[in-house]
Each structure stands twice: as structure tokens, then as C-alpha cells.
Amino acid sequence: SISIFSINAIGWYRQAPGKQRELVAGIRRA
């Protein structure tokens, strides 16, 4: 909803059945 250029880091998490949510990948502003 806002410019991702202003976000320090953004990425993807996932949660599989019976598992905890985990970080998949992230990208920083730079």
C-alpha cells in the first residue's frame, strides 16, 4: 500500500501444515 522504496526490508514467510512460520526470502532497500 506504500512505496516499498521506503521500506527497509520486505520479504516472504511461509507456514506449512504443522510447522512454524518461517522466513523464505527477503530483500533490503539497498
All heavy atoms as atom14 arrays in JSON, in Angstrom:
{
  "sequence": "SISIFSINAIGWYRQAPGKQRELVAGIRRA",
  "atom14_mask": [
    [1, 1, 1, 1, 1, 1, 0, 0, 0, 0, 0, 0, 0, 0],
    [1, 1, 1, 1, 1, 1, 1, 1, 0, 0, 0, 0, 0, 0],
    [1, 1, 1, 1, 1, 1, 0, 0, 0, 0, 0, 0, 0, 0],
    [1, 1, 1, 1, 1, 1, 1, 1, 0, 0, 0, 0, 0, 0],
    [1, 1, 1, 1, 1, 1, 1, 1, 1, 1, 1, 0, 0, 0],
    [1, 1, 1, 1, 1, 1, 0, 0, 0, 0, 0, 0, 0, 0],
    [1, 1, 1, 1, 1, 1, 1, 1, 0, 0, 0, 0, 0, 0],
    [1, 1, 1, 1, 1, 1, 1, 1, 0, 0, 0, 0, 0, 0],
    [1, 1, 1, 1, 1, 0, 0, 0, 0, 0, 0, 0, 0, 0],
    [1, 1, 1, 1, 1, 1, 1, 1, 0, 0, 0, 0, 0, 0],
    [1, 1, 1, 1, 0, 0, 0, 0, 0, 0, 0, 0, 0, 0],
    [1, 1, 1, 1, 1, 1, 1, 1, 1, 1, 1, 1, 1, 1],
    [1, 1, 1, 1, 1, 1, 1, 1, 1, 1, 1, 1, 0, 0],
    [1, 1, 1, 1, 1, 1, 1, 1, 1, 1, 1, 0, 0, 0],
    [1, 1, 1, 1, 1, 1, 1, 1, 1, 0, 0, 0, 0, 0],
    [1, 1, 1, 1, 1, 0, 0, 0, 0, 0, 0, 0, 0, 0],
    [1, 1, 1, 1, 1, 1, 1, 0, 0, 0, 0, 0, 0, 0],
    [1, 1, 1, 1, 0, 0, 0, 0, 0, 0, 0, 0, 0, 0],
    [1, 1, 1, 1, 1, 1, 1, 1, 1, 0, 0, 0, 0, 0],
    [1, 1, 1, 1, 1, 1, 1, 1, 1, 0, 0, 0, 0, 0],
    [1, 1, 1, 1, 1, 1, 1, 1, 1, 1, 1, 0, 0, 0],
    [1, 1, 1, 1, 1, 1, 1, 1, 1, 0, 0, 0, 0, 0],
    [1, 1, 1, 1, 1, 1, 1, 1, 0, 0, 0, 0, 0, 0],
    [1, 1, 1, 1, 1, 1, 1, 0, 0, 0, 0, 0, 0, 0],
    [1, 1, 1, 1, 1, 0, 0, 0, 0, 0, 0, 0, 0, 0],
    [1, 1, 1, 1, 0, 0, 0, 0, 0, 0, 0, 0, 0, 0],
    [1, 1, 1, 1, 1, 1, 1, 1, 0, 0, 0, 0, 0, 0],
    [1, 1, 1, 1, 1, 1, 1, 1, 1, 1, 1, 0, 0, 0],
    [1, 1, 1, 1, 1, 1, 1, 1, 1, 1, 1, 0, 0, 0],
    [1, 1, 1, 1, 1, 0, 0, 0, 0, 0, 0, 0, 0, 0]
  ],
  "atom14_positions": [
    [[0.8, -1.22, 0.0], [0.0, 0.0, 0.0], [0.83, 1.27, 0.0], [0.31, 2.35, -0.25], [-0.93, 0.01, 1.21], [-0.19, 0.0, 2.42], [0.0, 0.0, 0.0], [0.0, 0.0, 0.0], [0.0, 0.0, 0.0], [0.0, 0.0, 0.0], [0.0, 0.0, 0.0], [0.0, 0.0, 0.0], [0.0, 0.0, 0.0], [0.0, 0.0, 0.0]],
    [[2.1, 1.14, 0.3], [3.0, 2.28, 0.29], [4.21, 1.94, -0.57], [4.41, 0.78, -0.93], [3.46, 2.7, 1.7], [4.27, 1.59, 2.35], [2.25, 3.07, 2.56], [4.89, 1.97, 3.68], [0.0, 0.0, 0.0], [0.0, 0.0, 0.0], [0.0, 0.0, 0.0], [0.0, 0.0, 0.0], [0.0, 0.0, 0.0], [0.0, 0.0, 0.0]],
    [[5.01, 2.93, -0.85], [6.2, 2.7, -1.66], [7.15, 1.76, -0.94], [7.57, 2.02, 0.18], [6.9, 4.02, -1.95], [8.13, 3.79, -2.61], [0.0, 0.0, 0.0], [0.0, 0.0, 0.0], [0.0, 0.0, 0.0], [0.0, 0.0, 0.0], [0.0, 0.0, 0.0], [0.0, 0.0, 0.0], [0.0, 0.0, 0.0], [0.0, 0.0, 0.0]],
    [[7.46, 0.65, -1.59], [8.4, -0.28, -0.97], [9.8, 0.29, -0.95], [10.67, -0.23, -0.24], [8.38, -1.66, -1.66], [8.76, -1.55, -3.14], [7.02, -2.31, -1.5], [8.91, -2.89, -3.83], [0.0, 0.0, 0.0], [0.0, 0.0, 0.0], [0.0, 0.0, 0.0], [0.0, 0.0, 0.0], [0.0, 0.0, 0.0], [0.0, 0.0, 0.0]],
    [[10.02, 1.34, -1.7], [11.3, 2.02, -1.66], [11.56, 2.61, -0.28], [12.71, 2.81, 0.12], [11.35, 3.11, -2.72], [12.69, 3.76, -2.88], [13.73, 3.1, -3.52], [12.92, 5.04, -2.39], [14.97, 3.7, -3.68], [14.16, 5.65, -2.54], [15.19, 4.97, -3.19], [0.0, 0.0, 0.0], [0.0, 0.0, 0.0], [0.0, 0.0, 0.0]],
    [[10.48, 2.91, 0.45], [10.6, 3.49, 1.79], [10.66, 2.43, 2.88], [10.8, 2.78, 4.06], [9.44, 4.43, 2.06], [8.21, 3.74, 2.13], [0.0, 0.0, 0.0], [0.0, 0.0, 0.0], [0.0, 0.0, 0.0], [0.0, 0.0, 0.0], [0.0, 0.0, 0.0], [0.0, 0.0, 0.0], [0.0, 0.0, 0.0], [0.0, 0.0, 0.0]],
    [[10.57, 1.17, 2.52], [10.6, 0.08, 3.48], [12.02, -0.48, 3.55], [12.6, -0.82, 2.52], [9.6, -1.02, 3.1], [8.19, -0.45, 3.04], [9.67, -2.18, 4.09], [7.16, -1.42, 2.51], [0.0, 0.0, 0.0], [0.0, 0.0, 0.0], [0.0, 0.0, 0.0], [0.0, 0.0, 0.0], [0.0, 0.0, 0.0], [0.0, 0.0, 0.0]],
    [[12.54, -0.59, 4.74], [13.92, -1.05, 4.89], [14.12, -2.46, 4.34], [15.12, -2.73, 3.67], [14.34, -1.0, 6.36], [14.59, 0.4, 6.85], [14.94, 1.29, 6.07], [14.42, 0.61, 8.14], [0.0, 0.0, 0.0], [0.0, 0.0, 0.0], [0.0, 0.0, 0.0], [0.0, 0.0, 0.0], [0.0, 0.0, 0.0], [0.0, 0.0, 0.0]],
    [[13.18, -3.33, 4.64], [13.29, -4.71, 4.16], [11.9, -5.32, 4.06], [11.04, -5.07, 4.9], [14.16, -5.55, 5.09], [0.0, 0.0, 0.0], [0.0, 0.0, 0.0], [0.0, 0.0, 0.0], [0.0, 0.0, 0.0], [0.0, 0.0, 0.0], [0.0, 0.0, 0.0], [0.0, 0.0, 0.0], [0.0, 0.0, 0.0], [0.0, 0.0, 0.0]],
    [[11.7, -6.1, 3.05], [10.42, -6.76, 2.82], [10.7, -8.14, 2.26], [11.72, -8.36, 1.6], [9.54, -5.92, 1.87], [8.1, -6.44, 1.86], [10.12, -5.87, 0.47], [7.13, -5.47, 1.18], [0.0, 0.0, 0.0], [0.0, 0.0, 0.0], [0.0, 0.0, 0.0], [0.0, 0.0, 0.0], [0.0, 0.0, 0.0], [0.0, 0.0, 0.0]],
    [[9.8, -9.06, 2.53], [10.04, -10.4, 2.02], [8.87, -11.32, 2.22], [7.73, -10.9, 2.41], [0.0, 0.0, 0.0], [0.0, 0.0, 0.0], [0.0, 0.0, 0.0], [0.0, 0.0, 0.0], [0.0, 0.0, 0.0], [0.0, 0.0, 0.0], [0.0, 0.0, 0.0], [0.0, 0.0, 0.0], [0.0, 0.0, 0.0], [0.0, 0.0, 0.0]],
    [[9.2, -12.61, 2.14], [8.2, -13.66, 2.18], [8.45, -14.61, 3.33], [9.59, -15.04, 3.55], [8.21, -14.44, 0.86], [7.74, -13.64, -0.31], [8.51, -12.88, -1.15], [6.4, -13.52, -0.78], [7.73, -12.3, -2.11], [6.43, -12.67, -1.91], [5.18, -14.04, -0.36], [5.27, -12.34, -2.62], [4.04, -13.72, -1.06], [4.09, -12.88, -2.18]],
    [[7.4, -14.94, 4.03], [7.37, -16.0, 5.01], [6.43, -17.09, 4.51], [5.62, -16.86, 3.62], [6.87, -15.5, 6.37], [7.76, -14.49, 7.06], [7.76, -13.16, 6.68], [8.57, -14.88, 8.13], [8.56, -12.23, 7.33], [9.36, -13.96, 8.79], [9.35, -12.63, 8.39], [10.13, -11.71, 9.05], [0.0, 0.0, 0.0], [0.0, 0.0, 0.0]],
    [[6.53, -18.25, 5.11], [5.57, -19.29, 4.8], [5.27, -20.11, 6.04], [6.09, -20.18, 6.96], [6.06, -20.21, 3.67], [7.24, -21.1, 4.04], [7.71, -21.9, 2.82], [8.83, -22.77, 3.14], [9.5, -23.48, 2.25], [9.15, -23.42, 0.96], [10.51, -24.25, 2.62], [0.0, 0.0, 0.0], [0.0, 0.0, 0.0], [0.0, 0.0, 0.0]],
    [[4.11, -20.7, 6.06], [3.72, -21.57, 7.14], [3.1, -22.83, 6.55], [2.04, -22.78, 5.92], [2.73, -20.89, 8.09], [2.44, -21.72, 9.33], [1.77, -20.91, 10.42], [1.1, -19.92, 10.14], [1.96, -21.32, 11.66], [0.0, 0.0, 0.0], [0.0, 0.0, 0.0], [0.0, 0.0, 0.0], [0.0, 0.0, 0.0], [0.0, 0.0, 0.0]],
    [[3.78, -23.93, 6.75], [3.32, -25.22, 6.27], [2.48, -25.89, 7.36], [2.6, -25.56, 8.54], [4.51, -26.1, 5.9], [0.0, 0.0, 0.0], [0.0, 0.0, 0.0], [0.0, 0.0, 0.0], [0.0, 0.0, 0.0], [0.0, 0.0, 0.0], [0.0, 0.0, 0.0], [0.0, 0.0, 0.0], [0.0, 0.0, 0.0], [0.0, 0.0, 0.0]],
    [[1.65, -26.84, 6.97], [0.85, -27.55, 7.97], [1.72, -28.17, 9.05], [2.69, -28.86, 8.76], [0.14, -28.63, 7.15], [0.07, -28.06, 5.77], [1.35, -27.29, 5.6], [0.0, 0.0, 0.0], [0.0, 0.0, 0.0], [0.0, 0.0, 0.0], [0.0, 0.0, 0.0], [0.0, 0.0, 0.0], [0.0, 0.0, 0.0], [0.0, 0.0, 0.0]],
    [[1.37, -27.89, 10.29], [2.11, -28.44, 11.41], [3.46, -27.81, 11.67], [4.22, -28.31, 12.51], [0.0, 0.0, 0.0], [0.0, 0.0, 0.0], [0.0, 0.0, 0.0], [0.0, 0.0, 0.0], [0.0, 0.0, 0.0], [0.0, 0.0, 0.0], [0.0, 0.0, 0.0], [0.0, 0.0, 0.0], [0.0, 0.0, 0.0], [0.0, 0.0, 0.0]],
    [[3.77, -26.74, 10.97], [5.07, -26.09, 11.1], [4.91, -24.64, 11.57], [3.84, -24.04, 11.43], [5.82, -26.1, 9.77], [6.09, -27.48, 9.21], [7.19, -28.18, 9.98], [7.59, -29.47, 9.28], [8.7, -30.15, 10.0], [0.0, 0.0, 0.0], [0.0, 0.0, 0.0], [0.0, 0.0, 0.0], [0.0, 0.0, 0.0], [0.0, 0.0, 0.0]],
    [[5.99, -24.11, 12.11], [6.02, -22.7, 12.47], [6.24, -21.85, 11.22], [6.81, -22.31, 10.23], [7.12, -22.43, 13.48], [6.94, -23.13, 14.81], [5.73, -22.63, 15.55], [5.55, -21.42, 15.72], [4.88, -23.56, 15.98], [0.0, 0.0, 0.0], [0.0, 0.0, 0.0], [0.0, 0.0, 0.0], [0.0, 0.0, 0.0], [0.0, 0.0, 0.0]],
    [[5.79, -20.63, 11.29], [6.05, -19.7, 10.2], [7.55, -19.46, 10.1], [8.24, -19.29, 11.11], [5.31, -18.39, 10.44], [5.42, -17.39, 9.3], [4.69, -16.09, 9.62], [3.25, -16.2, 9.48], [2.39, -16.19, 10.5], [2.82, -16.08, 11.75], [1.09, -16.28, 10.27], [0.0, 0.0, 0.0], [0.0, 0.0, 0.0], [0.0, 0.0, 0.0]],
    [[8.07, -19.46, 8.88], [9.49, -19.28, 8.67], [9.75, -18.28, 7.56], [8.94, -18.12, 6.64], [10.15, -20.62, 8.32], [9.67, -21.22, 7.01], [10.39, -22.5, 6.62], [11.45, -22.8, 7.22], [9.89, -23.2, 5.72], [0.0, 0.0, 0.0], [0.0, 0.0, 0.0], [0.0, 0.0, 0.0], [0.0, 0.0, 0.0], [0.0, 0.0, 0.0]],
    [[10.88, -17.64, 7.66], [11.3, -16.7, 6.62], [11.79, -17.47, 5.41], [12.61, -18.37, 5.52], [12.4, -15.78, 7.14], [12.97, -14.78, 6.14], [11.9, -13.77, 5.73], [14.18, -14.08, 6.72], [0.0, 0.0, 0.0], [0.0, 0.0, 0.0], [0.0, 0.0, 0.0], [0.0, 0.0, 0.0], [0.0, 0.0, 0.0], [0.0, 0.0, 0.0]],
    [[11.29, -17.09, 4.25], [11.69, -17.72, 2.99], [12.75, -16.88, 2.29], [13.78, -17.39, 1.85], [10.48, -17.94, 2.07], [10.92, -18.52, 0.73], [9.46, -18.85, 2.75], [0.0, 0.0, 0.0], [0.0, 0.0, 0.0], [0.0, 0.0, 0.0], [0.0, 0.0, 0.0], [0.0, 0.0, 0.0], [0.0, 0.0, 0.0], [0.0, 0.0, 0.0]],
    [[12.47, -15.6, 2.14], [13.39, -14.71, 1.44], [13.07, -13.28, 1.79], [11.93, -12.94, 2.1], [13.3, -14.91, -0.08], [0.0, 0.0, 0.0], [0.0, 0.0, 0.0], [0.0, 0.0, 0.0], [0.0, 0.0, 0.0], [0.0, 0.0, 0.0], [0.0, 0.0, 0.0], [0.0, 0.0, 0.0], [0.0, 0.0, 0.0], [0.0, 0.0, 0.0]],
    [[14.08, -12.44, 1.73], [13.89, -11.03, 2.0], [14.78, -10.19, 1.11], [15.81, -10.66, 0.62], [0.0, 0.0, 0.0], [0.0, 0.0, 0.0], [0.0, 0.0, 0.0], [0.0, 0.0, 0.0], [0.0, 0.0, 0.0], [0.0, 0.0, 0.0], [0.0, 0.0, 0.0], [0.0, 0.0, 0.0], [0.0, 0.0, 0.0], [0.0, 0.0, 0.0]],
    [[14.37, -8.95, 0.92], [15.15, -8.01, 0.13], [15.18, -6.68, 0.86], [14.15, -6.21, 1.36], [14.61, -7.88, -1.31], [15.52, -6.98, -2.15], [13.16, -7.38, -1.32], [15.24, -7.08, -3.64], [0.0, 0.0, 0.0], [0.0, 0.0, 0.0], [0.0, 0.0, 0.0], [0.0, 0.0, 0.0], [0.0, 0.0, 0.0], [0.0, 0.0, 0.0]],
    [[16.34, -6.09, 0.96], [16.51, -4.81, 1.62], [16.42, -3.67, 0.63], [16.52, -3.88, -0.59], [17.84, -4.76, 2.38], [17.92, -5.76, 3.52], [19.23, -5.63, 4.27], [19.25, -6.49, 5.45], [19.61, -7.77, 5.43], [19.99, -8.34, 4.3], [19.59, -8.48, 6.55], [0.0, 0.0, 0.0], [0.0, 0.0, 0.0], [0.0, 0.0, 0.0]],
    [[16.22, -2.48, 1.15], [16.07, -1.31, 0.3], [17.24, -1.16, -0.65], [17.07, -0.78, -1.81], [15.9, -0.06, 1.17], [15.63, 1.21, 0.39], [15.21, 2.31, 1.34], [16.21, 2.52, 2.39], [16.0, 3.16, 3.52], [14.8, 3.67, 3.77], [16.97, 3.3, 4.41], [0.0, 0.0, 0.0], [0.0, 0.0, 0.0], [0.0, 0.0, 0.0]],
    [[18.43, -1.43, -0.16], [19.62, -1.29, -0.98], [19.76, -2.39, -2.03], [20.61, -2.28, -2.92], [20.87, -1.25, -0.1], [0.0, 0.0, 0.0], [0.0, 0.0, 0.0], [0.0, 0.0, 0.0], [0.0, 0.0, 0.0], [0.0, 0.0, 0.0], [0.0, 0.0, 0.0], [0.0, 0.0, 0.0], [0.0, 0.0, 0.0], [0.0, 0.0, 0.0]]
  ]
}
